[in-house]
């Protein structure tokens, strides 16, 4: 479950820009190279995006004029405990790139602090659906398999599965699994993105 909130001063965005941002922020943020398309789509289906255009927007106590209203705040709320600094950096990069491409005046997004990204990581157990608490493992299983697991998530992985050390997802050790060995320990990853993040953090 991911919530993306885009805040912009009223009148700053055209209808076309609002629509493009609504689509691109979801598709660009919820993607993982090498992950199955159906899994990515299920993750997107659990992603909500809200565009907020408040009547009053101030910066430094001064109201932002509509004629110079390039100010944005994007708040991304998602299950916590699994994001590395590299993953947070990638989220911020993707959000800024989408804003710059859709709104235009792209140089300004990298010269001035007009677009802030706030990542909110909800502690495990602070999200719910189906009338019950949804732990991070439940949400990941829902994205991967499209249904809630019937087993107790506290039981841990079986002999033919391992836990992705980056996102915490349970990964089956099938022939097409993304696997590396380190210090005689077999590590498996849900996608090449998680594998690359793991390797980059150990350089």
Protein backbone atom coordinates (compact mmCIF):
# COMPACT_ATOMS: atom_id res chain seq x y z
CA UNK A 1 0.00 0.00 0.00
CA UNK A 2 1.43 3.35 -1.07
CA UNK A 3 -0.15 6.80 -0.78
CA UNK A 4 1.21 9.58 -2.96
CA UNK A 5 0.02 13.11 -2.13
CA UNK A 6 0.90 15.90 -4.53
CA UNK A 7 0.49 19.41 -3.10
CA UNK A 8 0.59 22.37 -5.49
CA UNK A 9 -0.71 25.96 -5.21
CA UNK A 10 -4.21 26.41 -6.60
CA UNK A 11 -4.13 27.30 -10.29
CA UNK A 12 -0.51 26.23 -10.75
CA UNK A 13 -1.28 23.12 -12.81
CA UNK A 14 -3.38 22.72 -15.94
CA UNK A 15 -5.84 19.83 -16.21
CA UNK A 16 -3.47 18.06 -18.62
CA UNK A 17 -0.56 18.45 -16.17
CA UNK A 18 -2.66 17.13 -13.27
CA UNK A 19 -3.64 14.07 -15.30
CA UNK A 20 -0.07 13.40 -16.49
CA UNK A 21 1.35 13.79 -12.98
CA UNK A 22 -1.34 11.48 -11.57
CA UNK A 23 -0.37 8.77 -14.04
CA UNK A 24 3.41 9.24 -14.12
CA UNK A 25 3.95 9.49 -10.37
CA UNK A 26 2.30 6.08 -9.94
CA UNK A 27 3.90 4.32 -12.92
CA UNK A 28 7.39 5.80 -12.43
CA UNK A 29 7.49 5.27 -8.66
CA UNK A 30 5.93 1.80 -8.61
CA UNK A 31 8.24 -0.04 -10.97
CA UNK A 32 11.03 -2.56 -10.57
CA UNK A 33 13.24 -3.71 -13.41
CA UNK A 34 13.10 -7.47 -13.79
CA UNK A 35 9.95 -7.88 -11.66
CA UNK A 36 6.99 -9.70 -13.26
CA UNK A 37 4.54 -7.26 -14.92
CA UNK A 38 1.55 -8.70 -13.02
CA UNK A 39 3.31 -8.15 -9.67
CA UNK A 40 4.12 -4.54 -10.55
CA UNK A 41 0.50 -3.98 -11.62
CA UNK A 42 -0.82 -5.41 -8.33
CA UNK A 43 1.48 -3.02 -6.43
CA UNK A 44 0.16 -0.13 -8.54
CA UNK A 45 -3.40 -1.27 -7.82
CA UNK A 46 -2.62 -0.78 -4.12
CA UNK A 47 -1.32 2.75 -4.74
CA UNK A 48 -3.52 5.81 -4.25
CA UNK A 49 -2.64 9.28 -5.49
CA UNK A 50 -4.32 12.49 -4.37
CA UNK A 51 -3.71 15.95 -5.86
CA UNK A 52 -4.18 18.71 -3.28
CA UNK A 53 -4.47 22.35 -4.37
CA UNK A 54 -5.01 24.36 -1.18
CA UNK A 55 -6.56 27.81 -1.28
CA UNK A 56 -3.64 29.19 0.70
CA UNK A 57 0.01 28.26 0.14
CA UNK A 58 2.74 30.12 1.97
CA UNK A 59 6.52 29.81 1.94
CA UNK A 60 8.45 31.58 4.68
CA UNK A 61 5.19 33.08 5.91
CA UNK A 62 4.55 34.75 2.54
CA UNK A 63 1.70 33.74 0.29
CA UNK A 64 2.81 32.26 -3.04
CA UNK A 65 1.44 34.31 -5.94
CA UNK A 66 -0.30 32.29 -8.66
CA UNK A 67 1.90 33.98 -11.26
CA UNK A 68 5.00 32.45 -9.67
CA UNK A 69 3.46 29.30 -8.23
CA UNK A 70 6.11 26.70 -8.97
CA UNK A 71 6.04 25.09 -5.52
CA UNK A 72 5.45 21.42 -4.89
CA UNK A 73 5.40 19.00 -2.00
CA UNK A 74 5.11 15.30 -2.73
CA UNK A 75 4.51 13.06 0.27
CA UNK A 76 4.99 9.33 -0.29
CA UNK A 77 3.67 7.10 2.51
CA UNK A 78 4.53 3.42 2.39
CA UNK A 79 5.24 0.46 4.65
CA UNK A 80 8.43 1.14 6.59
CA UNK A 81 11.42 -0.86 7.63
CA UNK A 82 12.52 -1.99 4.17
CA UNK A 83 13.86 1.15 2.51
CA UNK A 84 17.59 1.74 2.28
CA UNK A 85 19.14 5.17 1.71
CA UNK A 86 19.69 4.18 -1.93
CA UNK A 87 15.99 3.33 -2.34
CA UNK A 88 14.92 6.62 -0.71
CA UNK A 89 17.29 8.49 -3.00
CA UNK A 90 15.83 6.73 -6.03
CA UNK A 91 12.27 7.69 -4.98
CA UNK A 92 13.28 11.35 -4.63
CA UNK A 93 15.06 11.28 -7.99
CA UNK A 94 12.05 9.76 -9.75
CA UNK A 95 9.55 12.23 -8.23
CA UNK A 96 11.73 15.23 -9.16
CA UNK A 97 12.26 13.93 -12.69
CA UNK A 98 8.52 13.46 -13.27
CA UNK A 99 7.73 16.97 -11.98
CA UNK A 100 10.44 18.53 -14.14
CA UNK A 101 9.34 16.66 -17.28
CA UNK A 102 5.61 17.32 -16.89
CA UNK A 103 5.67 20.89 -15.55
CA UNK A 104 8.62 22.12 -17.62
CA UNK A 105 11.32 24.63 -16.66
CA UNK A 106 13.28 21.55 -15.63
CA UNK A 107 16.51 23.38 -14.74
CA UNK A 108 14.69 25.26 -12.00
CA UNK A 109 13.81 22.01 -10.19
CA UNK A 110 17.54 21.37 -9.74
CA UNK A 111 18.57 24.98 -9.00
CA UNK A 112 15.90 26.05 -6.49
CA UNK A 113 14.15 24.25 -3.60
CA UNK A 114 10.73 24.42 -5.28
CA UNK A 115 9.94 20.71 -5.05
CA UNK A 116 10.24 18.87 -1.75
CA UNK A 117 9.72 15.13 -1.40
CA UNK A 118 8.74 13.71 1.97
CA UNK A 119 8.97 9.95 2.46
CA UNK A 120 6.85 8.66 5.33
CA UNK A 121 7.52 5.08 6.37
CA UNK A 122 4.57 3.68 8.30
CA UNK A 123 5.78 1.38 11.10
CA UNK A 124 4.97 -2.29 10.62
CA UNK A 125 1.44 -2.95 11.86
CA UNK A 126 0.22 0.63 11.27
CA UNK A 127 -1.61 -0.18 8.04
CA UNK A 128 -4.80 -2.18 7.66
CA UNK A 129 -7.24 -3.63 5.14
CA UNK A 130 -9.80 -6.44 5.08
CA UNK A 131 -10.79 -5.29 8.57
CA UNK A 132 -7.45 -6.27 10.10
CA UNK A 133 -3.86 -5.13 10.57
CA UNK A 134 -1.75 -5.67 7.48
CA UNK A 135 1.90 -6.30 8.22
CA UNK A 136 4.55 -5.54 5.63
CA UNK A 137 4.83 -9.25 4.80
CA UNK A 138 1.05 -9.40 4.20
CA UNK A 139 1.21 -6.43 1.82
CA UNK A 140 4.16 -7.92 -0.06
CA UNK A 141 2.40 -11.28 -0.37
CA UNK A 142 -0.69 -9.49 -1.68
CA UNK A 143 1.43 -7.72 -4.32
CA UNK A 144 3.36 -10.86 -5.28
CA UNK A 145 0.60 -13.48 -5.22
CA UNK A 146 -2.59 -11.41 -5.46
CA UNK A 147 -4.01 -12.95 -2.29
CA UNK A 148 -3.40 -13.03 1.42
CA UNK A 149 -1.23 -15.90 2.63
CA UNK A 150 -3.05 -18.74 4.35
CA UNK A 151 -0.04 -19.61 6.48
CA UNK A 152 1.11 -17.77 9.57
CA UNK A 153 3.59 -15.13 8.42
CA UNK A 154 5.53 -15.59 11.67
CA UNK A 155 6.48 -19.15 10.66
CA UNK A 156 9.31 -17.84 8.48
CA UNK A 157 10.45 -19.10 5.08
CA UNK A 158 10.38 -22.75 4.12
CA UNK A 159 13.47 -24.65 2.99
CA UNK A 160 12.89 -23.72 -0.67
CA UNK A 161 12.44 -20.01 0.01
CA UNK A 162 14.59 -17.19 1.38
CA UNK A 163 13.95 -13.62 2.46
CA UNK A 164 15.05 -10.82 0.13
CA UNK A 165 17.53 -8.87 2.33
CA UNK A 166 16.45 -5.53 0.81
CA UNK A 167 12.62 -5.54 0.77
CA UNK A 168 11.88 -8.47 3.09
CA UNK A 169 9.86 -10.35 0.47
CA UNK A 170 9.80 -14.16 0.56
CA UNK A 171 11.49 -15.41 -2.63
CA UNK A 172 11.11 -18.94 -4.02
CA UNK A 173 14.37 -20.61 -5.03
CA UNK A 174 13.20 -21.58 -8.50
CA UNK A 175 15.38 -21.97 -11.59
CA UNK A 176 14.72 -18.37 -12.63
CA UNK A 177 15.32 -16.84 -9.19
CA UNK A 178 17.71 -13.88 -8.96
CA UNK A 179 20.40 -15.39 -6.74
CA UNK A 180 23.91 -14.44 -5.65
CA UNK A 181 26.22 -16.19 -3.21
CA UNK A 182 28.17 -14.26 -0.61
CA UNK A 183 30.37 -15.81 2.08
CA UNK A 184 28.92 -19.25 1.25
CA UNK A 185 25.38 -17.92 1.87
CA UNK A 186 22.79 -18.01 -0.92
CA UNK A 187 20.86 -14.73 -1.23
CA UNK A 188 17.80 -14.34 -3.46
CA UNK A 189 16.04 -11.19 -4.61
CA UNK A 190 12.55 -10.40 -5.84
CA UNK A 191 13.91 -8.22 -8.66
CA UNK A 192 17.12 -6.95 -10.21
CA UNK A 193 16.43 -3.60 -8.50
CA UNK A 194 16.75 -5.19 -5.04
CA UNK A 195 19.83 -7.15 -6.11
CA UNK A 196 21.52 -4.04 -7.52
CA UNK A 197 20.63 -2.06 -4.38
CA UNK A 198 22.17 -4.79 -2.21
CA UNK A 199 25.36 -4.86 -4.24
CA UNK A 200 25.63 -1.04 -4.39
CA UNK A 201 25.36 -0.76 -0.61
CA UNK A 202 28.34 -3.08 -0.20
CA UNK A 203 30.74 -1.22 -2.50
